[in-house]
C-alpha atoms as a PDB file:
ATOM      1  CA  UNK A   1       0.135   0.196  -0.216  1.00  0.00           C
ATOM      2  CA  UNK A   2       1.650   3.378  -1.085  1.00  0.00           C
ATOM      3  CA  UNK A   3       1.007   6.446   0.974  1.00  0.00           C
ATOM      4  CA  UNK A   4       1.486   9.469  -0.580  1.00  0.00           C
ATOM      5  CA  UNK A   5       1.955  12.898   1.152  1.00  0.00           C
ATOM      6  CA  UNK A   6      -1.002  15.175   0.825  1.00  0.00           C
ATOM      7  CA  UNK A   7      -0.956  18.634   2.638  1.00  0.00           C
ATOM      8  CA  UNK A   8      -4.662  18.489   2.810  1.00  0.00           C
ATOM      9  CA  UNK A   9      -4.425  15.293   4.975  1.00  0.00           C
ATOM     10  CA  UNK A  10      -2.365  16.976   7.698  1.00  0.00           C
ATOM     11  CA  UNK A  11      -4.153  15.696  10.854  1.00  0.00           C
ATOM     12  CA  UNK A  12      -3.540  13.820  14.241  1.00  0.00           C
ATOM     13  CA  UNK A  13      -1.997  10.316  13.115  1.00  0.00           C
ATOM     14  CA  UNK A  14      -4.278   7.205  13.721  1.00  0.00           C
ATOM     15  CA  UNK A  15      -3.611   3.308  13.212  1.00  0.00           C
ATOM     16  CA  UNK A  16      -5.716   1.743  10.581  1.00  0.00           C
ATOM     17  CA  UNK A  17      -8.152   0.727  13.332  1.00  0.00           C
ATOM     18  CA  UNK A  18      -8.536   4.479  14.345  1.00  0.00           C
ATOM     19  CA  UNK A  19      -6.342   4.299  17.423  1.00  0.00           C
ATOM     20  CA  UNK A  20      -5.035   7.985  17.986  1.00  0.00           C
ATOM     21  CA  UNK A  21      -1.070   7.645  17.898  1.00  0.00           C
ATOM     22  CA  UNK A  22       0.965  10.501  19.701  1.00  0.00           C
ATOM     23  CA  UNK A  23       4.028  11.480  18.539  1.00  0.00           C
ATOM     24  CA  UNK A  24       6.081  10.240  21.540  1.00  0.00           C
ATOM     25  CA  UNK A  25       4.976   6.643  20.393  1.00  0.00           C
ATOM     26  CA  UNK A  26       5.844   7.531  16.808  1.00  0.00           C
ATOM     27  CA  UNK A  27       9.393   9.075  18.235  1.00  0.00           C
ATOM     28  CA  UNK A  28       9.996   5.923  20.006  1.00  0.00           C
ATOM     29  CA  UNK A  29       9.173   3.452  17.053  1.00  0.00           C
ATOM     30  CA  UNK A  30      11.553   5.847  14.915  1.00  0.00           C
ATOM     31  CA  UNK A  31      14.044   5.766  17.169  1.00  0.00           C
ATOM     32  CA  UNK A  32      14.157   1.865  17.328  1.00  0.00           C
ATOM     33  CA  UNK A  33      14.080   1.601  13.592  1.00  0.00           C
ATOM     34  CA  UNK A  34      16.898   4.120  13.266  1.00  0.00           C
ATOM     35  CA  UNK A  35      18.921   2.351  15.930  1.00  0.00           C
ATOM     36  CA  UNK A  36      18.208  -1.039  14.374  1.00  0.00           C
ATOM     37  CA  UNK A  37      19.346   0.028  11.109  1.00  0.00           C
ATOM     38  CA  UNK A  38      22.396   1.529  12.413  1.00  0.00           C
ATOM     39  CA  UNK A  39      23.360  -1.855  14.272  1.00  0.00           C
ATOM     40  CA  UNK A  40      22.471  -3.896  11.178  1.00  0.00           C
ATOM     41  CA  UNK A  41      24.982  -1.561   9.345  1.00  0.00           C
ATOM     42  CA  UNK A  42      27.808  -2.391  11.783  1.00  0.00           C
ATOM     43  CA  UNK A  43      27.036  -6.062  11.860  1.00  0.00           C
ATOM     44  CA  UNK A  44      26.501  -6.489   8.209  1.00  0.00           C
ATOM     45  CA  UNK A  45      28.266  -5.075   5.243  1.00  0.00           C
ATOM     46  CA  UNK A  46      25.553  -2.409   3.845  1.00  0.00           C
ATOM     47  CA  UNK A  47      26.803  -3.059   0.477  1.00  0.00           C
ATOM     48  CA  UNK A  48      26.019  -6.790   0.978  1.00  0.00           C
ATOM     49  CA  UNK A  49      22.835  -6.664   3.200  1.00  0.00           C
ATOM     50  CA  UNK A  50      20.882  -3.798   2.111  1.00  0.00           C
ATOM     51  CA  UNK A  51      17.239  -3.036   2.662  1.00  0.00           C
ATOM     52  CA  UNK A  52      15.851  -5.155   0.002  1.00  0.00           C
ATOM     53  CA  UNK A  53      18.097  -8.208   0.782  1.00  0.00           C
ATOM     54  CA  UNK A  54      17.194  -7.445   4.537  1.00  0.00           C
ATOM     55  CA  UNK A  55      13.488  -8.353   3.697  1.00  0.00           C
ATOM     56  CA  UNK A  56      14.384 -11.791   2.298  1.00  0.00           C
ATOM     57  CA  UNK A  57      16.585 -12.137   5.253  1.00  0.00           C
ATOM     58  CA  UNK A  58      14.006 -11.634   7.737  1.00  0.00           C
ATOM     59  CA  UNK A  59      11.383 -13.813   5.803  1.00  0.00           C
ATOM     60  CA  UNK A  60      14.029 -16.783   5.844  1.00  0.00           C
ATOM     61  CA  UNK A  61      15.021 -16.219   9.274  1.00  0.00           C
ATOM     62  CA  UNK A  62      11.249 -16.350  10.246  1.00  0.00           C
ATOM     63  CA  UNK A  63      10.768 -19.461   8.506  1.00  0.00           C
ATOM     64  CA  UNK A  64      13.894 -20.882   9.980  1.00  0.00           C
ATOM     65  CA  UNK A  65      12.531 -20.189  13.555  1.00  0.00           C
ATOM     66  CA  UNK A  66       9.502 -22.153  12.560  1.00  0.00           C
ATOM     67  CA  UNK A  67      11.674 -25.168  10.984  1.00  0.00           C
ATOM     68  CA  UNK A  68      10.110 -24.060   7.651  1.00  0.00           C
ATOM     69  CA  UNK A  69      11.485 -23.619   3.933  1.00  0.00           C
ATOM     70  CA  UNK A  70      10.478 -21.275   1.605  1.00  0.00           C
ATOM     71  CA  UNK A  71       9.767 -21.423  -2.224  1.00  0.00           C
ATOM     72  CA  UNK A  72      11.052 -18.662  -4.348  1.00  0.00           C
ATOM     73  CA  UNK A  73       7.491 -17.515  -5.308  1.00  0.00           C
ATOM     74  CA  UNK A  74       6.786 -17.017  -1.523  1.00  0.00           C
ATOM     75  CA  UNK A  75       9.975 -15.042  -1.063  1.00  0.00           C
ATOM     76  CA  UNK A  76       8.643 -12.873  -3.899  1.00  0.00           C
ATOM     77  CA  UNK A  77       5.031 -12.551  -2.709  1.00  0.00           C
ATOM     78  CA  UNK A  78       6.181 -11.591   0.867  1.00  0.00           C
ATOM     79  CA  UNK A  79       8.965  -9.319  -0.027  1.00  0.00           C
ATOM     80  CA  UNK A  80       6.981  -7.597  -2.921  1.00  0.00           C
ATOM     81  CA  UNK A  81      10.232  -7.664  -4.947  1.00  0.00           C
ATOM     82  CA  UNK A  82      10.307  -9.030  -8.336  1.00  0.00           C
ATOM     83  CA  UNK A  83      11.458 -12.562  -8.937  1.00  0.00           C
ATOM     84  CA  UNK A  84      14.454 -11.247 -10.849  1.00  0.00           C
ATOM     85  CA  UNK A  85      15.524  -9.210  -8.106  1.00  0.00           C
ATOM     86  CA  UNK A  86      14.826 -11.981  -5.460  1.00  0.00           C
ATOM     87  CA  UNK A  87      16.877 -14.561  -7.501  1.00  0.00           C
ATOM     88  CA  UNK A  88      19.916 -11.898  -7.738  1.00  0.00           C
ATOM     89  CA  UNK A  89      19.734 -11.707  -3.761  1.00  0.00           C
ATOM     90  CA  UNK A  90      19.354 -15.335  -3.312  1.00  0.00           C
ATOM     91  CA  UNK A  91      22.550 -15.841  -5.535  1.00  0.00           C
ATOM     92  CA  UNK A  92      24.350 -13.373  -3.552  1.00  0.00           C
ATOM     93  CA  UNK A  93      23.361 -14.652  -0.036  1.00  0.00           C
ATOM     94  CA  UNK A  94      24.004 -17.960  -1.107  1.00  0.00           C
ATOM     95  CA  UNK A  95      27.599 -17.090  -1.844  1.00  0.00           C
ATOM     96  CA  UNK A  96      27.775 -15.837   1.458  1.00  0.00           C
ATOM     97  CA  UNK A  97      26.524 -19.046   2.957  1.00  0.00           C
ATOM     98  CA  UNK A  98      23.616 -17.347   4.491  1.00  0.00           C
ATOM     99  CA  UNK A  99      21.204 -19.317   2.796  1.00  0.00           C
ATOM    100  CA  UNK A 100      20.979 -22.581   0.456  1.00  0.00           C
ATOM    101  CA  UNK A 101      18.713 -23.974  -2.030  1.00  0.00           C
ATOM    102  CA  UNK A 102      17.398 -27.619  -2.330  1.00  0.00           C
ATOM    103  CA  UNK A 103      15.221 -29.172  -4.753  1.00  0.00           C
ATOM    104  CA  UNK A 104      11.724 -29.641  -3.355  1.00  0.00           C
ATOM    105  CA  UNK A 105      11.451 -33.865  -2.939  1.00  0.00           C
ATOM    106  CA  UNK A 106       7.813 -33.844  -3.913  1.00  0.00           C
ATOM    107  CA  UNK A 107       8.025 -31.331  -6.806  1.00  0.00           C
ATOM    108  CA  UNK A 108      11.348 -31.456  -9.038  1.00  0.00           C
ATOM    109  CA  UNK A 109      10.082 -27.812 -10.443  1.00  0.00           C
ATOM    110  CA  UNK A 110      10.278 -25.929  -7.097  1.00  0.00           C
ATOM    111  CA  UNK A 111      13.404 -24.982  -5.262  1.00  0.00           C
ATOM    112  CA  UNK A 112      13.277 -24.388  -1.633  1.00  0.00           C
ATOM    113  CA  UNK A 113      15.211 -21.735   0.001  1.00  0.00           C
ATOM    114  CA  UNK A 114      16.288 -22.161   3.667  1.00  0.00           C
ATOM    115  CA  UNK A 115      18.640 -20.159   5.892  1.00  0.00           C
ATOM    116  CA  UNK A 116      21.841 -22.003   6.922  1.00  0.00           C
ATOM    117  CA  UNK A 117      22.664 -22.676  10.556  1.00  0.00           C
ATOM    118  CA  UNK A 118      25.495 -20.057  10.055  1.00  0.00           C
ATOM    119  CA  UNK A 119      23.200 -17.544   8.578  1.00  0.00           C
ATOM    120  CA  UNK A 120      20.661 -18.125  11.219  1.00  0.00           C
ATOM    121  CA  UNK A 121      23.546 -17.426  13.967  1.00  0.00           C
ATOM    122  CA  UNK A 122      24.328 -14.073  12.706  1.00  0.00           C
ATOM    123  CA  UNK A 123      20.321 -13.261  12.783  1.00  0.00           C
ATOM    124  CA  UNK A 124      20.384 -14.453  16.366  1.00  0.00           C
ATOM    125  CA  UNK A 125      23.333 -12.490  17.494  1.00  0.00           C
ATOM    126  CA  UNK A 126      21.561  -9.232  15.619  1.00  0.00           C
ATOM    127  CA  UNK A 127      18.196  -9.681  17.201  1.00  0.00           C
ATOM    128  CA  UNK A 128      19.847 -10.525  20.565  1.00  0.00           C
ATOM    129  CA  UNK A 129      21.698  -6.983  20.240  1.00  0.00           C
ATOM    130  CA  UNK A 130      18.397  -5.392  19.361  1.00  0.00           C
ATOM    131  CA  UNK A 131      16.664  -6.950  22.359  1.00  0.00           C
ATOM    132  CA  UNK A 132      19.491  -6.051  24.480  1.00  0.00           C
ATOM    133  CA  UNK A 133      19.539  -2.351  23.699  1.00  0.00           C
ATOM    134  CA  UNK A 134      15.688  -2.216  24.071  1.00  0.00           C
ATOM    135  CA  UNK A 135      15.923  -3.694  27.453  1.00  0.00           C
ATOM    136  CA  UNK A 136      18.647  -0.903  28.354  1.00  0.00           C
ATOM    137  CA  UNK A 137      16.559   1.753  27.125  1.00  0.00           C
ATOM    138  CA  UNK A 138      13.310   0.367  28.932  1.00  0.00           C
ATOM    139  CA  UNK A 139      15.280   0.776  32.221  1.00  0.00           C
ATOM    140  CA  UNK A 140      15.607   4.408  31.328  1.00  0.00           C
ATOM    141  CA  UNK A 141      11.804   4.598  30.564  1.00  0.00           C
ATOM    142  CA  UNK A 142      12.763   4.655  26.616  1.00  0.00           C
ATOM    143  CA  UNK A 143      12.513   2.279  23.824  1.00  0.00           C
ATOM    144  CA  UNK A 144       9.925  -0.026  22.440  1.00  0.00           C
ATOM    145  CA  UNK A 145       9.724  -2.200  25.609  1.00  0.00           C
ATOM    146  CA  UNK A 146       9.031   0.849  27.677  1.00  0.00           C
ATOM    147  CA  UNK A 147       5.663   1.450  25.531  1.00  0.00           C
ATOM    148  CA  UNK A 148       3.594  -0.859  27.193  1.00  0.00           C
ATOM    149  CA  UNK A 149       4.523   0.491  30.513  1.00  0.00           C
ATOM    150  CA  UNK A 150       3.593   3.800  29.323  1.00  0.00           C
ATOM    151  CA  UNK A 151       0.188   2.891  27.911  1.00  0.00           C
ATOM    152  CA  UNK A 152      -0.780   1.277  31.038  1.00  0.00           C
ATOM    153  CA  UNK A 153       0.404   4.323  33.068  1.00  0.00           C
ATOM    154  CA  UNK A 154      -2.017   6.660  30.972  1.00  0.00           C
ATOM    155  CA  UNK A 155      -4.818   4.039  31.570  1.00  0.00           C
ATOM    156  CA  UNK A 156      -4.774   4.486  35.462  1.00  0.00           C
END
């Protein structure tokens, strides 16, 4: 879903469910995303893992955590990227030994993609750092993990 800026639409932000979203919560999420992007660029070469390939890495890591393998078509659908782009990134991620391809035993026309244990260890390290940094921020009353505490305090 594309969102285009329209000055006539300036209003208080709301979620798609109509909940009012304050600037403090938006700022918290933005701070999280900027911090996560910075951490990612420190852990992974940004020329190797960029925003587009990161989408594929996340989808494959989520499948790995569930013990699943993904089809190329599924990766195209979940990422919103064209098949040629997905195949190019998969070639690159495979050369880094982060992912591997294997034939589907039930259908030889289908290629399954899975994250390697080595690739998953990198992602576990990254997400461990993200959670750890958010826990440190929560101790200071900031970060995503503090959002529920702030919301609970407003309900009282």
